[in-house]
Amino acid sequence: MNVRKFLRRLLIRPLFKLDAGEWENARLSFAQYGEDCVLAALMMEKEGFYVDVGAHHPLRCSNTHLFYRRGWRGINIEPNPAFCADFQHYRPRDVNLCALISDRNEPLHYAYYREPLYNGVVEAHKACAAVANRGAPLSVEQRTPRRLDDILEKHAPDRPIDLLSVDCEGHDLAVLRSNDWSRFAPRFVIVEAFGKASEQTHAFMRDCGYQVVTRLYLSTIFALSSDVIP
């Protein structure tokens, strides 16, 4: 038994009060609702490339950190500057950008909440009742957005993308529309979409040549038609 495995059994297993059988069958997840475990079952490669838009935090509620630990690397895009240093610390192999993504050219209002998971574009929050009911933000600032395809053209012009994760609190469809899907077509896409936005997102992804693989509470996993698991 190697030292890391021994320390994990010695220190971590007692913390969660798991017996030997439970520990051997437990699965590690960094995502909010276990999305990374489902994605890992779809993509078993030891090396790959992801793009995480609305990445939030390198560890907390992350759809991509499990893949980073596996040996993957990619691009993390998060508008909240408070987490920029954390991404640099925990994801040194990645390209980490503090940016707001949208298909709109004009400046947008970005809201900060006590719970950073709720941070997002005010204009999108107003259009989504589930987000609008979260109360008043702590502060709002004007941000100039960037297009996703512009970032991919700069940082991954010839790199096949295995996974695109989008979690932007009601602004997700605007992020998807900012990509050039004829140029940058990830194998799998996971998007947070609920309510009326869910129908619009599904229709948009279908038009881009994707099919639904599965739905996980607030998130939907799409795959290129050629990669859909039967």
Protein backbone atom coordinates (compact mmCIF):
# COMPACT_ATOMS: atom_id res chain seq x y z
CA MET A 1 0.00 0.00 0.00
CA ASN A 2 1.47 3.37 -0.99
CA VAL A 3 1.80 6.25 1.46
CA ARG A 4 -0.98 8.34 -0.07
CA LYS A 5 -3.48 5.49 0.08
CA PHE A 6 -2.46 4.70 3.66
CA LEU A 7 -2.90 8.31 4.79
CA ARG A 8 -6.24 8.55 3.03
CA ARG A 9 -7.51 5.49 4.88
CA LEU A 10 -6.02 6.64 8.16
CA LEU A 11 -7.23 10.24 8.08
CA ILE A 12 -10.15 10.61 5.68
CA ARG A 13 -12.13 7.42 6.16
CA PRO A 14 -12.64 7.94 9.92
CA LEU A 15 -13.75 11.52 9.23
CA PHE A 16 -16.74 10.28 7.24
CA LYS A 17 -17.23 7.22 9.47
CA LEU A 18 -17.23 4.79 6.56
CA ASP A 19 -16.60 1.10 7.03
CA ALA A 20 -14.21 -0.75 4.71
CA GLY A 21 -16.93 -1.78 2.28
CA GLU A 22 -18.41 1.70 2.07
CA TRP A 23 -15.00 3.29 1.58
CA GLU A 24 -14.04 0.95 -1.25
CA ASN A 25 -17.28 1.74 -3.10
CA ALA A 26 -17.47 5.49 -2.43
CA ARG A 27 -16.97 7.91 -5.34
CA LEU A 28 -15.26 11.27 -5.16
CA SER A 29 -17.17 14.19 -6.68
CA PHE A 30 -16.36 17.91 -6.76
CA ALA A 31 -19.47 18.90 -8.71
CA GLN A 32 -22.61 20.34 -7.16
CA TYR A 33 -24.82 17.34 -7.93
CA GLY A 34 -22.33 14.66 -8.96
CA GLU A 35 -22.23 15.72 -12.60
CA ASP A 36 -18.50 15.04 -12.85
CA CYS A 37 -19.02 11.35 -11.99
CA VAL A 38 -21.49 10.95 -14.84
CA LEU A 39 -19.20 12.80 -17.24
CA ALA A 40 -16.25 10.64 -16.12
CA ALA A 41 -18.26 7.54 -17.00
CA LEU A 42 -18.79 8.96 -20.50
CA MET A 43 -15.16 10.00 -20.99
CA MET A 44 -12.64 7.49 -19.67
CA GLU A 45 -9.57 9.05 -21.31
CA LYS A 46 -6.61 9.81 -19.05
CA GLU A 47 -5.87 12.95 -21.02
CA GLY A 48 -8.31 15.45 -22.42
CA PHE A 49 -9.23 19.11 -22.75
CA TYR A 50 -12.11 21.02 -21.17
CA VAL A 51 -13.49 24.55 -21.26
CA ASP A 52 -15.31 25.64 -18.09
CA VAL A 53 -17.42 28.81 -18.47
CA GLY A 54 -18.80 30.16 -15.22
CA ALA A 55 -16.26 27.96 -13.46
CA HIS A 56 -16.99 29.59 -10.08
CA HIS A 57 -14.18 27.98 -8.04
CA PRO A 58 -11.40 25.50 -8.89
CA LEU A 59 -12.67 22.98 -6.30
CA ARG A 60 -16.11 23.92 -4.99
CA CYS A 61 -19.03 22.82 -7.19
CA SER A 62 -16.62 22.19 -10.07
CA ASN A 63 -17.57 20.05 -13.06
CA THR A 64 -13.94 19.87 -14.22
CA HIS A 65 -11.62 19.45 -11.21
CA LEU A 66 -12.06 15.67 -11.20
CA PHE A 67 -10.76 15.66 -14.76
CA TYR A 68 -7.86 17.92 -13.80
CA ARG A 69 -6.84 15.39 -11.16
CA ARG A 70 -7.01 12.68 -13.82
CA GLY A 71 -4.44 14.57 -15.89
CA TRP A 72 -6.61 16.71 -18.13
CA ARG A 73 -6.13 20.43 -18.64
CA GLY A 74 -8.16 23.23 -20.12
CA ILE A 75 -9.51 26.75 -19.87
CA ASN A 76 -11.39 28.09 -16.86
CA ILE A 77 -13.41 31.28 -17.33
CA GLU A 78 -14.91 32.99 -14.26
CA PRO A 79 -16.06 36.63 -13.96
CA ASN A 80 -15.51 36.83 -10.18
CA PRO A 81 -11.97 38.23 -9.60
CA ALA A 82 -12.06 36.99 -5.98
CA PHE A 83 -11.35 33.45 -7.19
CA CYS A 84 -8.61 34.23 -9.73
CA ALA A 85 -5.78 33.47 -7.29
CA ASP A 86 -7.46 30.20 -6.30
CA PHE A 87 -7.55 29.03 -9.90
CA GLN A 88 -3.88 29.89 -10.35
CA HIS A 89 -3.04 27.95 -7.19
CA TYR A 90 -5.12 24.81 -7.75
CA ARG A 91 -5.07 24.72 -11.56
CA PRO A 92 -1.56 25.76 -12.65
CA ARG A 93 -1.73 23.61 -15.82
CA ASP A 94 -4.86 25.44 -16.97
CA VAL A 95 -5.44 28.75 -18.69
CA ASN A 96 -7.38 30.75 -16.09
CA LEU A 97 -9.26 33.84 -17.25
CA CYS A 98 -11.29 36.40 -15.33
CA ALA A 99 -13.90 37.27 -17.94
CA LEU A 100 -17.62 37.53 -18.59
CA ILE A 101 -18.83 35.62 -21.66
CA SER A 102 -21.80 36.64 -23.80
CA ASP A 103 -23.02 37.01 -27.37
CA ARG A 104 -23.84 40.65 -26.64
CA ASN A 105 -21.51 43.48 -27.61
CA GLU A 106 -22.68 46.06 -25.10
CA PRO A 107 -21.56 46.23 -21.44
CA LEU A 108 -23.63 44.15 -19.01
CA HIS A 109 -24.38 44.52 -15.32
CA TYR A 110 -22.79 41.80 -13.19
CA ALA A 111 -24.21 41.18 -9.70
CA TYR A 112 -22.34 39.86 -6.65
CA TYR A 113 -24.24 37.99 -3.94
CA ARG A 114 -23.33 36.80 -0.46
CA GLU A 115 -23.40 33.28 -1.92
CA PRO A 116 -21.00 33.53 -4.90
CA LEU A 117 -22.76 30.68 -6.70
CA TYR A 118 -25.58 33.16 -7.39
CA ASN A 119 -23.36 35.78 -9.05
CA GLY A 120 -24.41 36.59 -12.57
CA VAL A 121 -25.68 38.95 -15.23
CA VAL A 122 -28.49 41.16 -13.92
CA GLU A 123 -30.28 41.24 -17.28
CA ALA A 124 -30.42 37.43 -17.27
CA HIS A 125 -31.53 37.31 -13.63
CA LYS A 126 -34.52 39.54 -14.38
CA ALA A 127 -35.66 37.17 -17.13
CA CYS A 128 -35.39 34.08 -14.90
CA ALA A 129 -37.82 33.93 -11.97
CA ALA A 130 -35.83 31.20 -10.18
CA VAL A 131 -32.75 33.44 -10.11
CA ALA A 132 -34.58 36.72 -9.52
CA ASN A 133 -36.04 35.39 -6.26
CA ARG A 134 -32.61 35.15 -4.61
CA GLY A 135 -32.86 38.63 -3.13
CA ALA A 136 -30.88 41.80 -3.60
CA PRO A 137 -27.19 41.56 -4.58
CA LEU A 138 -24.41 42.98 -2.43
CA SER A 139 -23.11 45.02 -5.36
CA VAL A 140 -23.43 45.44 -9.12
CA GLU A 141 -20.76 46.50 -11.58
CA GLN A 142 -20.66 47.06 -15.32
CA ARG A 143 -18.58 44.52 -17.25
CA THR A 144 -17.64 44.32 -20.91
CA PRO A 145 -18.23 40.76 -22.13
CA ARG A 146 -16.10 38.66 -24.45
CA ARG A 147 -17.19 36.03 -26.94
CA LEU A 148 -16.36 32.39 -26.29
CA ASP A 149 -15.11 31.77 -29.82
CA ASP A 150 -12.67 34.68 -29.52
CA ILE A 151 -11.16 33.09 -26.40
CA LEU A 152 -10.96 29.67 -28.03
CA GLU A 153 -9.35 31.18 -31.11
CA LYS A 154 -6.65 32.70 -28.92
CA HIS A 155 -6.01 29.88 -26.42
CA ALA A 156 -7.06 26.68 -28.23
CA PRO A 157 -7.19 27.37 -31.98
CA ASP A 158 -6.31 23.82 -33.06
CA ARG A 159 -7.10 21.86 -29.92
CA PRO A 160 -9.95 19.30 -29.94
CA ILE A 161 -12.28 20.04 -27.02
CA ASP A 162 -13.66 17.06 -25.13
CA LEU A 163 -15.91 18.91 -22.69
CA LEU A 164 -17.58 22.31 -22.49
CA SER A 165 -19.20 23.16 -19.14
CA VAL A 166 -21.49 26.20 -18.94
CA ASP A 167 -23.02 27.37 -15.65
CA CYS A 168 -23.88 31.06 -15.83
CA GLU A 169 -27.06 31.52 -13.79
CA GLY A 170 -29.57 32.17 -16.55
CA HIS A 171 -27.07 33.60 -19.03
CA ASP A 172 -26.10 30.18 -20.38
CA LEU A 173 -27.79 30.41 -23.77
CA ALA A 174 -26.04 33.73 -24.47
CA VAL A 175 -22.73 31.97 -23.74
CA LEU A 176 -23.57 29.12 -26.12
CA ARG A 177 -24.54 31.58 -28.83
CA SER A 178 -21.14 33.28 -28.54
CA ASN A 179 -19.37 30.19 -29.85
CA ASP A 180 -18.61 29.30 -33.47
CA TRP A 181 -19.92 25.72 -33.46
CA SER A 182 -18.68 25.04 -36.95
CA ARG A 183 -15.15 25.70 -35.68
CA PHE A 184 -15.26 24.63 -32.03
CA ALA A 185 -17.51 21.62 -31.39
CA PRO A 186 -16.81 19.84 -28.08
CA ARG A 187 -17.62 16.15 -27.84
CA PHE A 188 -19.75 16.72 -24.74
CA VAL A 189 -21.47 19.82 -23.38
CA ILE A 190 -23.00 20.22 -19.93
CA VAL A 191 -25.26 23.21 -19.39
CA GLU A 192 -27.27 24.45 -16.45
CA ALA A 193 -30.73 25.19 -17.83
CA PHE A 194 -34.12 25.22 -16.17
CA GLY A 195 -37.60 26.59 -16.81
CA LYS A 196 -38.28 28.13 -20.21
CA ALA A 197 -34.55 28.51 -20.83
CA SER A 198 -34.25 24.72 -20.81
CA GLU A 199 -36.46 24.37 -23.89
CA GLN A 200 -34.55 27.09 -25.72
CA THR A 201 -31.20 25.55 -24.81
CA HIS A 202 -32.27 22.09 -25.97
CA ALA A 203 -33.49 23.49 -29.28
CA PHE A 204 -30.27 25.43 -29.80
CA MET A 205 -28.06 22.43 -29.05
CA ARG A 206 -30.15 20.22 -31.31
CA ASP A 207 -29.65 22.71 -34.15
CA CYS A 208 -25.89 22.53 -33.48
CA GLY A 209 -25.93 18.75 -33.98
CA TYR A 210 -26.15 17.58 -30.35
CA GLN A 211 -28.43 15.14 -28.58
CA VAL A 212 -29.37 14.84 -24.93
CA VAL A 213 -27.46 12.12 -23.09
CA THR A 214 -29.00 12.65 -19.66
CA ARG A 215 -30.43 15.25 -17.31
CA LEU A 216 -29.11 15.79 -13.80
CA TYR A 217 -31.41 18.03 -11.76
CA LEU A 218 -30.53 21.50 -13.11
CA SER A 219 -27.96 20.33 -15.66
CA THR A 220 -28.24 18.62 -19.03
CA ILE A 221 -25.45 16.70 -20.74
CA PHE A 222 -25.37 16.87 -24.54
CA ALA A 223 -23.21 14.91 -26.95
CA LEU A 224 -22.42 15.23 -30.61
CA SER A 225 -24.63 12.78 -32.46
CA SER A 226 -21.59 10.61 -33.26
CA ASP A 227 -20.70 10.36 -29.54
CA VAL A 228 -24.12 9.55 -28.09
CA ILE A 229 -23.99 6.46 -25.92
CA PRO A 230 -26.64 3.92 -27.02
